[in-house]
Amino acid sequence: RPDETNALRRVEQTVMAQRLPVVSEHKLEINGRRREFTVARLALGQDFLLSVWHEITEERQREAHLRRALAQIEQQQGSMEQARRELERGSGRDEVSGLYMRAQFEDQLLRE
């Protein structure tokens, strides 16, 4: 694709002009599949450019999966904490009167 090709050329021209190593990320569509790469480039002399490409597509997919799983765990943890507080607040007490139930009252007497 022309826009992807132009972006790659611009980075390479920048590396050759500045003579500094550059690390960049690129998203390319290859054979109908979106792929992500980290590319390290280094100018070698006046005429050569060393490029090392590392595909990070699967890493990014795993990271996204882990972020979704973490969000789900945090949501479940919040729900469990809320349920725990509700149980703690209402355990052993009559919901209408708020008084301790007989078994709870007797347990409390035994502890004292």
C-alpha atoms as a PDB file:
ATOM      1  CA  ARG A   1       0.000   0.000   0.000  1.00  0.00           C
ATOM      2  CA  PRO A   2       1.367   3.397  -0.940  1.00  0.00           C
ATOM      3  CA  ASP A   3       0.744   5.085   2.436  1.00  0.00           C
ATOM      4  CA  GLU A   4       2.579   2.315   4.307  1.00  0.00           C
ATOM      5  CA  THR A   5       5.443   2.380   1.814  1.00  0.00           C
ATOM      6  CA  ASN A   6       5.781   6.155   2.129  1.00  0.00           C
ATOM      7  CA  ALA A   7       5.833   5.959   5.925  1.00  0.00           C
ATOM      8  CA  LEU A   8       8.604   3.356   5.823  1.00  0.00           C
ATOM      9  CA  ARG A   9      10.642   5.459   3.395  1.00  0.00           C
ATOM     10  CA  ARG A  10      10.289   8.565   5.580  1.00  0.00           C
ATOM     11  CA  VAL A  11      11.663   6.706   8.600  1.00  0.00           C
ATOM     12  CA  GLU A  12      14.561   5.339   6.578  1.00  0.00           C
ATOM     13  CA  GLN A  13      15.373   8.793   5.196  1.00  0.00           C
ATOM     14  CA  THR A  14      15.333  10.214   8.722  1.00  0.00           C
ATOM     15  CA  VAL A  15      17.769   7.545   9.912  1.00  0.00           C
ATOM     16  CA  MET A  16      20.142   8.195   7.016  1.00  0.00           C
ATOM     17  CA  ALA A  17      19.997  11.968   7.552  1.00  0.00           C
ATOM     18  CA  GLN A  18      20.424  11.945  11.332  1.00  0.00           C
ATOM     19  CA  ARG A  19      22.838   9.008  11.567  1.00  0.00           C
ATOM     20  CA  LEU A  20      21.145   7.961  14.798  1.00  0.00           C
ATOM     21  CA  PRO A  21      19.510   4.614  15.532  1.00  0.00           C
ATOM     22  CA  VAL A  22      15.722   4.724  15.348  1.00  0.00           C
ATOM     23  CA  VAL A  23      13.193   2.252  16.723  1.00  0.00           C
ATOM     24  CA  SER A  24       9.668   2.533  15.388  1.00  0.00           C
ATOM     25  CA  GLU A  25       6.469   0.532  15.272  1.00  0.00           C
ATOM     26  CA  HIS A  26       4.537  -0.226  12.118  1.00  0.00           C
ATOM     27  CA  LYS A  27       1.168  -1.790  11.384  1.00  0.00           C
ATOM     28  CA  LEU A  28       1.037  -3.417   7.982  1.00  0.00           C
ATOM     29  CA  GLU A  29      -1.569  -5.414   6.157  1.00  0.00           C
ATOM     30  CA  ILE A  30       0.057  -8.509   4.703  1.00  0.00           C
ATOM     31  CA  ASN A  31      -2.016 -11.105   2.842  1.00  0.00           C
ATOM     32  CA  GLY A  32      -5.201  -9.571   4.215  1.00  0.00           C
ATOM     33  CA  ARG A  33      -4.015  -9.804   7.818  1.00  0.00           C
ATOM     34  CA  ARG A  34      -3.081  -6.838   9.999  1.00  0.00           C
ATOM     35  CA  ARG A  35       0.372  -7.347  11.511  1.00  0.00           C
ATOM     36  CA  GLU A  36       2.444  -5.236  13.878  1.00  0.00           C
ATOM     37  CA  PHE A  37       6.213  -4.851  13.892  1.00  0.00           C
ATOM     38  CA  THR A  38       8.925  -3.129  15.867  1.00  0.00           C
ATOM     39  CA  VAL A  39      11.731  -2.040  13.573  1.00  0.00           C
ATOM     40  CA  ALA A  40      15.212  -0.957  14.640  1.00  0.00           C
ATOM     41  CA  ARG A  41      17.199   0.928  11.995  1.00  0.00           C
ATOM     42  CA  LEU A  42      20.817   2.023  11.947  1.00  0.00           C
ATOM     43  CA  ALA A  43      22.743   3.828   9.231  1.00  0.00           C
ATOM     44  CA  LEU A  44      25.910   2.003   8.177  1.00  0.00           C
ATOM     45  CA  GLY A  45      28.138   4.474   6.424  1.00  0.00           C
ATOM     46  CA  GLN A  46      26.733   6.794   3.768  1.00  0.00           C
ATOM     47  CA  ASP A  47      24.895   4.265   1.636  1.00  0.00           C
ATOM     48  CA  PHE A  48      23.673   1.404   3.794  1.00  0.00           C
ATOM     49  CA  LEU A  49      20.889   0.954   6.279  1.00  0.00           C
ATOM     50  CA  LEU A  50      20.566  -1.955   8.697  1.00  0.00           C
ATOM     51  CA  SER A  51      16.966  -2.788   9.628  1.00  0.00           C
ATOM     52  CA  VAL A  52      15.910  -5.437  12.126  1.00  0.00           C
ATOM     53  CA  TRP A  53      12.220  -6.309  12.096  1.00  0.00           C
ATOM     54  CA  HIS A  54      10.494  -8.024  15.001  1.00  0.00           C
ATOM     55  CA  GLU A  55       6.857  -9.055  14.683  1.00  0.00           C
ATOM     56  CA  ILE A  56       4.828  -8.199  17.779  1.00  0.00           C
ATOM     57  CA  THR A  57       1.331  -9.086  16.536  1.00  0.00           C
ATOM     58  CA  GLU A  58       0.871 -12.067  18.860  1.00  0.00           C
ATOM     59  CA  GLU A  59       2.342 -10.174  21.821  1.00  0.00           C
ATOM     60  CA  ARG A  60      -0.144  -7.359  21.290  1.00  0.00           C
ATOM     61  CA  GLN A  61      -3.007  -9.838  21.021  1.00  0.00           C
ATOM     62  CA  ARG A  62      -1.926 -11.501  24.278  1.00  0.00           C
ATOM     63  CA  GLU A  63      -1.651  -8.100  25.970  1.00  0.00           C
ATOM     64  CA  ALA A  64      -5.161  -7.173  24.823  1.00  0.00           C
ATOM     65  CA  HIS A  65      -6.485 -10.518  26.052  1.00  0.00           C
ATOM     66  CA  LEU A  66      -4.792 -10.019  29.432  1.00  0.00           C
ATOM     67  CA  ARG A  67      -6.192  -6.485  29.737  1.00  0.00           C
ATOM     68  CA  ARG A  68      -9.711  -7.811  29.094  1.00  0.00           C
ATOM     69  CA  ALA A  69      -9.192 -10.639  31.606  1.00  0.00           C
ATOM     70  CA  LEU A  70      -7.869  -8.203  34.216  1.00  0.00           C
ATOM     71  CA  ALA A  71     -10.847  -5.894  33.725  1.00  0.00           C
ATOM     72  CA  GLN A  72     -13.185  -8.857  34.171  1.00  0.00           C
ATOM     73  CA  ILE A  73     -11.366  -9.977  37.336  1.00  0.00           C
ATOM     74  CA  GLU A  74     -11.482  -6.456  38.769  1.00  0.00           C
ATOM     75  CA  GLN A  75     -15.210  -6.253  38.040  1.00  0.00           C
ATOM     76  CA  GLN A  76     -15.798  -9.638  39.700  1.00  0.00           C
ATOM     77  CA  GLN A  77     -13.645  -8.620  42.646  1.00  0.00           C
ATOM     78  CA  GLY A  78     -15.731  -5.473  43.091  1.00  0.00           C
ATOM     79  CA  SER A  79     -18.930  -7.506  42.988  1.00  0.00           C
ATOM     80  CA  MET A  80     -17.552  -9.975  45.518  1.00  0.00           C
ATOM     81  CA  GLU A  81     -16.443  -7.165  47.832  1.00  0.00           C
ATOM     82  CA  GLN A  82     -19.892  -5.610  47.651  1.00  0.00           C
ATOM     83  CA  ALA A  83     -21.523  -8.983  48.398  1.00  0.00           C
ATOM     84  CA  ARG A  84     -19.117  -9.509  51.322  1.00  0.00           C
ATOM     85  CA  ARG A  85     -20.019  -6.109  52.781  1.00  0.00           C
ATOM     86  CA  GLU A  86     -23.722  -6.850  52.408  1.00  0.00           C
ATOM     87  CA  LEU A  87     -23.314 -10.225  54.121  1.00  0.00           C
ATOM     88  CA  GLU A  88     -21.223  -8.691  56.866  1.00  0.00           C
ATOM     89  CA  ARG A  89     -23.779  -5.970  57.418  1.00  0.00           C
ATOM     90  CA  GLY A  90     -26.734  -8.336  57.511  1.00  0.00           C
ATOM     91  CA  SER A  91     -25.275 -11.536  58.913  1.00  0.00           C
ATOM     92  CA  GLY A  92     -26.974 -12.786  62.031  1.00  0.00           C
ATOM     93  CA  ARG A  93     -29.498  -9.971  62.099  1.00  0.00           C
ATOM     94  CA  ASP A  94     -33.143  -9.845  61.259  1.00  0.00           C
ATOM     95  CA  GLU A  95     -33.564  -7.812  58.077  1.00  0.00           C
ATOM     96  CA  VAL A  96     -36.698  -6.032  59.293  1.00  0.00           C
ATOM     97  CA  SER A  97     -35.838  -5.201  62.914  1.00  0.00           C
ATOM     98  CA  GLY A  98     -32.049  -5.228  62.680  1.00  0.00           C
ATOM     99  CA  LEU A  99     -31.914  -7.215  65.935  1.00  0.00           C
ATOM    100  CA  TYR A 100     -29.615 -10.191  66.340  1.00  0.00           C
ATOM    101  CA  MET A 101     -31.261 -13.545  65.684  1.00  0.00           C
ATOM    102  CA  ARG A 102     -31.482 -15.946  68.610  1.00  0.00           C
ATOM    103  CA  ALA A 103     -28.576 -18.176  67.486  1.00  0.00           C
ATOM    104  CA  GLN A 104     -26.362 -15.142  66.904  1.00  0.00           C
ATOM    105  CA  PHE A 105     -27.394 -13.698  70.267  1.00  0.00           C
ATOM    106  CA  GLU A 106     -26.539 -16.949  72.078  1.00  0.00           C
ATOM    107  CA  ASP A 107     -23.156 -17.169  70.313  1.00  0.00           C
ATOM    108  CA  GLN A 108     -22.399 -13.622  71.408  1.00  0.00           C
ATOM    109  CA  LEU A 109     -23.357 -14.462  75.011  1.00  0.00           C
ATOM    110  CA  LEU A 110     -21.053 -17.492  74.997  1.00  0.00           C
ATOM    111  CA  ARG A 111     -18.143 -15.376  73.752  1.00  0.00           C
ATOM    112  CA  GLU A 112     -18.624 -12.855  76.548  1.00  0.00           C
END
